[in-house]
Amino acid sequence: MITASAVTGALARRLIDRAAALAKARAVMTARGGDARKWRKASLLWPLFGGE
C-alpha cells in the first residue's frame, strides 16, 4: 500500500486567496458593466496580432 503525507494548509490558503481575488475582480467587472466574453475573444485573437 502506498501512503503519503503532506502539509496542505499553505496550498489551501493560497488557493482560497486566489479564488477570493478572482471573485473580487469579477464583481468589479460586473459592476462596471464589463462582459467577460469580450476578453475571452480578445485572448483568442491576441496571437494573430503578434502579442505573446
N, C-alpha and C. Protein backbone atom coordinates (compact mmCIF):
# COMPACT_ATOMS: atom_id res chain seq x y z
N MET A 1 0.84 -1.17 0.00
CA MET A 1 0.00 0.00 0.00
C MET A 1 0.90 1.24 0.00
N ILE A 2 0.50 2.22 -0.76
CA ILE A 2 1.24 3.48 -0.84
C ILE A 2 0.54 4.50 0.04
N THR A 3 1.31 5.15 0.87
CA THR A 3 0.75 6.21 1.70
C THR A 3 1.57 7.48 1.49
N ALA A 4 0.93 8.58 1.68
CA ALA A 4 1.62 9.86 1.52
C ALA A 4 1.15 10.82 2.60
N SER A 5 2.01 11.70 2.95
CA SER A 5 1.68 12.70 3.95
C SER A 5 2.22 14.04 3.46
N ALA A 6 1.38 15.03 3.46
CA ALA A 6 1.80 16.36 3.01
C ALA A 6 1.07 17.43 3.80
N VAL A 7 1.73 18.54 3.96
CA VAL A 7 1.10 19.68 4.61
C VAL A 7 0.36 20.45 3.53
N THR A 8 -0.95 20.44 3.60
CA THR A 8 -1.75 21.06 2.55
C THR A 8 -2.36 22.39 3.00
N GLY A 9 -2.13 22.78 4.22
CA GLY A 9 -2.71 24.03 4.72
C GLY A 9 -2.28 25.25 3.94
N ALA A 10 -0.99 25.35 3.63
CA ALA A 10 -0.48 26.52 2.90
C ALA A 10 -1.04 26.55 1.48
N LEU A 11 -1.09 25.40 0.84
CA LEU A 11 -1.64 25.33 -0.52
C LEU A 11 -3.12 25.71 -0.52
N ALA A 12 -3.86 25.19 0.43
CA ALA A 12 -5.28 25.51 0.51
C ALA A 12 -5.48 27.00 0.74
N ARG A 13 -4.66 27.60 1.61
CA ARG A 13 -4.78 29.03 1.88
C ARG A 13 -4.51 29.86 0.62
N ARG A 14 -3.47 29.48 -0.15
CA ARG A 14 -3.17 30.20 -1.39
C ARG A 14 -4.31 30.08 -2.39
N LEU A 15 -4.88 28.88 -2.49
CA LEU A 15 -6.00 28.68 -3.42
C LEU A 15 -7.21 29.49 -3.01
N ILE A 16 -7.48 29.55 -1.72
CA ILE A 16 -8.60 30.35 -1.21
C ILE A 16 -8.37 31.82 -1.49
N ASP A 17 -7.14 32.30 -1.24
CA ASP A 17 -6.82 33.71 -1.51
C ASP A 17 -6.97 34.03 -2.99
N ARG A 18 -6.50 33.14 -3.85
CA ARG A 18 -6.60 33.35 -5.29
C ARG A 18 -8.07 33.36 -5.74
N ALA A 19 -8.87 32.47 -5.20
CA ALA A 19 -10.30 32.43 -5.53
C ALA A 19 -10.99 33.71 -5.09
N ALA A 20 -10.62 34.21 -3.92
CA ALA A 20 -11.21 35.46 -3.44
C ALA A 20 -10.82 36.63 -4.34
N ALA A 21 -9.57 36.67 -4.79
CA ALA A 21 -9.14 37.75 -5.68
C ALA A 21 -9.89 37.68 -7.01
N LEU A 22 -10.08 36.48 -7.53
CA LEU A 22 -10.84 36.34 -8.78
C LEU A 22 -12.29 36.77 -8.60
N ALA A 23 -12.88 36.43 -7.46
CA ALA A 23 -14.26 36.82 -7.20
C ALA A 23 -14.39 38.34 -7.12
N LYS A 24 -13.42 39.00 -6.47
CA LYS A 24 -13.44 40.46 -6.39
C LYS A 24 -13.31 41.08 -7.78
N ALA A 25 -12.40 40.55 -8.58
CA ALA A 25 -12.21 41.08 -9.93
C ALA A 25 -13.47 40.91 -10.77
N ARG A 26 -14.11 39.77 -10.63
CA ARG A 26 -15.35 39.53 -11.37
C ARG A 26 -16.45 40.49 -10.92
N ALA A 27 -16.53 40.74 -9.61
CA ALA A 27 -17.54 41.66 -9.08
C ALA A 27 -17.31 43.08 -9.60
N VAL A 28 -16.05 43.50 -9.64
CA VAL A 28 -15.73 44.84 -10.16
C VAL A 28 -16.10 44.93 -11.63
N MET A 29 -15.76 43.90 -12.40
CA MET A 29 -16.05 43.92 -13.83
C MET A 29 -17.57 43.93 -14.06
N THR A 30 -18.29 43.17 -13.27
CA THR A 30 -19.75 43.14 -13.40
C THR A 30 -20.35 44.50 -13.04
N ALA A 31 -19.82 45.13 -11.99
CA ALA A 31 -20.33 46.44 -11.57
C ALA A 31 -20.07 47.49 -12.63
N ARG A 32 -18.97 47.36 -13.36
CA ARG A 32 -18.65 48.31 -14.43
C ARG A 32 -19.39 47.99 -15.71
N GLY A 33 -20.11 46.89 -15.73
CA GLY A 33 -20.84 46.51 -16.92
C GLY A 33 -19.99 45.77 -17.92
N GLY A 34 -18.89 45.25 -17.47
CA GLY A 34 -17.99 44.53 -18.37
C GLY A 34 -18.56 43.19 -18.78
N ASP A 35 -18.18 42.75 -19.93
CA ASP A 35 -18.63 41.47 -20.44
C ASP A 35 -17.42 40.57 -20.62
N ALA A 36 -17.40 39.47 -19.90
CA ALA A 36 -16.25 38.55 -19.93
C ALA A 36 -16.04 37.95 -21.33
N ARG A 37 -17.11 37.83 -22.11
CA ARG A 37 -16.97 37.26 -23.45
C ARG A 37 -16.01 38.08 -24.31
N LYS A 38 -16.05 39.39 -24.13
CA LYS A 38 -15.17 40.27 -24.89
C LYS A 38 -13.70 39.92 -24.63
N TRP A 39 -13.37 39.69 -23.37
CA TRP A 39 -11.98 39.39 -23.02
C TRP A 39 -11.58 37.99 -23.46
N ARG A 40 -12.51 37.05 -23.43
CA ARG A 40 -12.19 35.70 -23.92
C ARG A 40 -11.91 35.74 -25.41
N LYS A 41 -12.70 36.49 -26.15
CA LYS A 41 -12.48 36.61 -27.59
C LYS A 41 -11.15 37.31 -27.87
N ALA A 42 -10.85 38.34 -27.10
CA ALA A 42 -9.60 39.07 -27.29
C ALA A 42 -8.41 38.16 -27.03
N SER A 43 -8.50 37.32 -26.01
CA SER A 43 -7.37 36.44 -25.70
C SER A 43 -7.18 35.40 -26.79
N LEU A 44 -8.24 35.02 -27.48
CA LEU A 44 -8.12 34.08 -28.58
C LEU A 44 -7.50 34.73 -29.81
N LEU A 45 -7.79 36.01 -30.02
CA LEU A 45 -7.29 36.71 -31.19
C LEU A 45 -5.91 37.30 -31.00
N TRP A 46 -5.46 37.44 -29.75
CA TRP A 46 -4.19 38.09 -29.46
C TRP A 46 -3.01 37.52 -30.25
N PRO A 47 -2.85 36.19 -30.36
CA PRO A 47 -1.70 35.66 -31.11
C PRO A 47 -1.69 36.08 -32.58
N LEU A 48 -2.83 36.41 -33.14
CA LEU A 48 -2.88 36.81 -34.53
C LEU A 48 -2.21 38.15 -34.78
N PHE A 49 -2.10 38.97 -33.73
CA PHE A 49 -1.53 40.29 -33.86
C PHE A 49 -0.10 40.37 -33.35
N GLY A 50 0.53 39.24 -33.12
CA GLY A 50 1.93 39.22 -32.74
C GLY A 50 2.19 39.35 -31.26
N GLY A 51 1.15 39.50 -30.43
CA GLY A 51 1.35 39.60 -28.99
C GLY A 51 1.55 38.22 -28.39
N GLU A 52 2.41 38.14 -27.40
CA GLU A 52 2.65 36.84 -26.79
C GLU A 52 2.41 36.88 -25.32
